[in-house]
C-alpha atoms as a PDB file:
ATOM      1  CA  TYR A   1      -0.050   0.269  -0.233  1.00  0.00           C
ATOM      2  CA  GLU A   2       1.099   3.704  -0.645  1.00  0.00           C
ATOM      3  CA  GLY A   3       0.120   6.937   0.040  1.00  0.00           C
ATOM      4  CA  LEU A   4      -1.220   9.059  -2.980  1.00  0.00           C
ATOM      5  CA  PRO A   5       1.284  10.365  -5.113  1.00  0.00           C
ATOM      6  CA  LEU A   6       1.683  13.758  -5.982  1.00  0.00           C
ATOM      7  CA  VAL A   7       2.860  13.515  -9.314  1.00  0.00           C
ATOM      8  CA  ALA A   8      -0.495  11.733 -10.082  1.00  0.00           C
ATOM      9  CA  LEU A   9      -2.639  14.740  -8.697  1.00  0.00           C
ATOM     10  CA  GLU A  10      -0.021  16.991 -10.490  1.00  0.00           C
ATOM     11  CA  SER A  11      -0.683  15.611 -13.894  1.00  0.00           C
ATOM     12  CA  LEU A  12      -4.138  15.015 -13.620  1.00  0.00           C
ATOM     13  CA  ALA A  13      -4.124  19.092 -12.537  1.00  0.00           C
ATOM     14  CA  CYS A  14      -2.504  19.959 -15.649  1.00  0.00           C
ATOM     15  CA  GLY A  15      -4.797  17.713 -17.749  1.00  0.00           C
ATOM     16  CA  THR A  16      -2.661  15.006 -18.659  1.00  0.00           C
ATOM     17  CA  PRO A  17      -4.124  11.171 -18.049  1.00  0.00           C
ATOM     18  CA  VAL A  18      -2.545   8.655 -16.034  1.00  0.00           C
ATOM     19  CA  ALA A  19      -1.206   5.527 -15.972  1.00  0.00           C
ATOM     20  CA  ALA A  20      -0.605   4.110 -12.433  1.00  0.00           C
ATOM     21  CA  THR A  21      -0.809   0.421 -11.008  1.00  0.00           C
ATOM     22  CA  ASP A  22      -3.775  -0.592  -9.962  1.00  0.00           C
ATOM     23  CA  ILE A  23      -3.815   0.132  -6.030  1.00  0.00           C
ATOM     24  CA  ALA A  24      -6.110   1.576  -3.344  1.00  0.00           C
ATOM     25  CA  CYS A  25      -5.166   5.157  -3.579  1.00  0.00           C
ATOM     26  CA  HIS A  26      -4.909   5.322  -7.475  1.00  0.00           C
ATOM     27  CA  ARG A  27      -8.273   3.910  -7.608  1.00  0.00           C
ATOM     28  CA  GLU A  28      -9.688   6.762  -5.535  1.00  0.00           C
ATOM     29  CA  ILE A  29      -8.414   9.499  -8.268  1.00  0.00           C
ATOM     30  CA  ILE A  30      -7.790   7.676 -11.666  1.00  0.00           C
ATOM     31  CA  ASN A  31     -11.442   6.473 -13.725  1.00  0.00           C
ATOM     32  CA  GLU A  32     -11.411   5.663 -17.601  1.00  0.00           C
ATOM     33  CA  LYS A  33     -11.959   9.460 -18.230  1.00  0.00           C
ATOM     34  CA  ASN A  34      -8.389  10.591 -16.425  1.00  0.00           C
ATOM     35  CA  GLY A  35      -6.359   7.824 -17.210  1.00  0.00           C
ATOM     36  CA  VAL A  36      -5.808   3.951 -16.745  1.00  0.00           C
ATOM     37  CA  LEU A  37      -5.066   1.616 -13.576  1.00  0.00           C
ATOM     38  CA  LEU A  38      -2.549  -1.156 -14.627  1.00  0.00           C
ATOM     39  CA  ALA A  39      -2.941  -4.489 -13.159  1.00  0.00           C
ATOM     40  CA  THR A  40       0.342  -5.174 -10.936  1.00  0.00           C
ATOM     41  CA  GLY A  41       2.603  -7.846 -12.297  1.00  0.00           C
ATOM     42  CA  ASN A  42       1.737  -7.972 -15.765  1.00  0.00           C
ATOM     43  CA  PRO A  43       4.002  -5.195 -18.190  1.00  0.00           C
ATOM     44  CA  VAL A  44       2.654  -7.027 -21.525  1.00  0.00           C
ATOM     45  CA  SER A  45      -0.800  -5.570 -20.210  1.00  0.00           C
ATOM     46  CA  TRP A  46       0.676  -2.282 -18.840  1.00  0.00           C
ATOM     47  CA  ARG A  47       1.908  -1.765 -22.711  1.00  0.00           C
ATOM     48  CA  ASP A  48      -1.164  -2.933 -24.253  1.00  0.00           C
ATOM     49  CA  GLU A  49      -3.009  -0.463 -21.914  1.00  0.00           C
ATOM     50  CA  ILE A  50      -0.719   2.405 -22.504  1.00  0.00           C
ATOM     51  CA  LEU A  51      -0.857   2.396 -26.036  1.00  0.00           C
ATOM     52  CA  ASN A  52      -4.447   2.118 -25.587  1.00  0.00           C
ATOM     53  CA  LEU A  53      -4.554   5.368 -23.885  1.00  0.00           C
ATOM     54  CA  LEU A  54      -2.505   7.111 -25.907  1.00  0.00           C
ATOM     55  CA  ASN A  55      -4.789   6.322 -28.522  1.00  0.00           C
ATOM     56  CA  ARG A  56      -7.871   7.528 -26.808  1.00  0.00           C
ATOM     57  CA  LYS A  57      -9.605  10.803 -27.199  1.00  0.00           C
ATOM     58  CA  ILE A  58      -8.722  12.511 -23.992  1.00  0.00           C
ATOM     59  CA  ASP A  59     -10.913  15.698 -23.045  1.00  0.00           C
ATOM     60  CA  ARG A  60      -7.822  17.649 -20.991  1.00  0.00           C
ATOM     61  CA  GLU A  61     -10.749  19.892 -19.164  1.00  0.00           C
ATOM     62  CA  GLN A  62     -12.190  16.430 -17.953  1.00  0.00           C
ATOM     63  CA  VAL A  63      -9.316  15.251 -16.849  1.00  0.00           C
ATOM     64  CA  LYS A  64      -8.393  18.740 -14.787  1.00  0.00           C
ATOM     65  CA  ASN A  65     -11.813  18.701 -13.539  1.00  0.00           C
ATOM     66  CA  SER A  66     -11.800  15.179 -12.216  1.00  0.00           C
ATOM     67  CA  ILE A  67     -10.102  16.096  -8.962  1.00  0.00           C
ATOM     68  CA  ALA A  68     -11.299  19.555  -8.428  1.00  0.00           C
ATOM     69  CA  HIS A  69     -12.802  18.413  -5.624  1.00  0.00           C
ATOM     70  CA  LEU A  70      -9.451  17.903  -4.092  1.00  0.00           C
ATOM     71  CA  ASN A  71      -8.513  21.241  -3.210  1.00  0.00           C
ATOM     72  CA  TRP A  72      -6.627  22.381   0.016  1.00  0.00           C
ATOM     73  CA  ASN A  73     -10.031  23.554   1.322  1.00  0.00           C
ATOM     74  CA  SER A  74     -11.630  20.425   1.147  1.00  0.00           C
ATOM     75  CA  ILE A  75      -8.637  18.585   2.119  1.00  0.00           C
ATOM     76  CA  ALA A  76      -8.244  20.391   5.442  1.00  0.00           C
ATOM     77  CA  GLN A  77     -11.917  20.286   6.088  1.00  0.00           C
ATOM     78  CA  ALA A  78     -11.814  16.242   5.778  1.00  0.00           C
ATOM     79  CA  TYR A  79      -8.451  16.312   8.016  1.00  0.00           C
ATOM     80  CA  LEU A  80     -10.686  18.395  10.578  1.00  0.00           C
ATOM     81  CA  ASN A  81     -13.620  15.902  10.692  1.00  0.00           C
ATOM     82  CA  TRP A  82     -11.512  13.076  10.612  1.00  0.00           C
ATOM     83  CA  ALA A  83      -9.437  14.384  13.593  1.00  0.00           C
ATOM     84  CA  LYS A  84     -12.691  15.573  15.549  1.00  0.00           C
ATOM     85  CA  PHE A  85     -11.062  18.728  16.806  1.00  0.00           C
END
């Protein structure tokens, strides 16, 4: 298990689709509209999935908007709710 890497969020914020391994944190932000989740331990499928992603028509604005809810205010509020200050 890994934490959510900032590089994926930064890429999506720029409108660039993401190809990342299919782990819990990536499942929270990556979907068919903004990238592809890659099965772990299967490099042949990675090649195929990445080539498919490169050939897809991607709406960069839709990619950007897919994480619009992850701003500092909403993250801080979620943390405060979790910490129950």
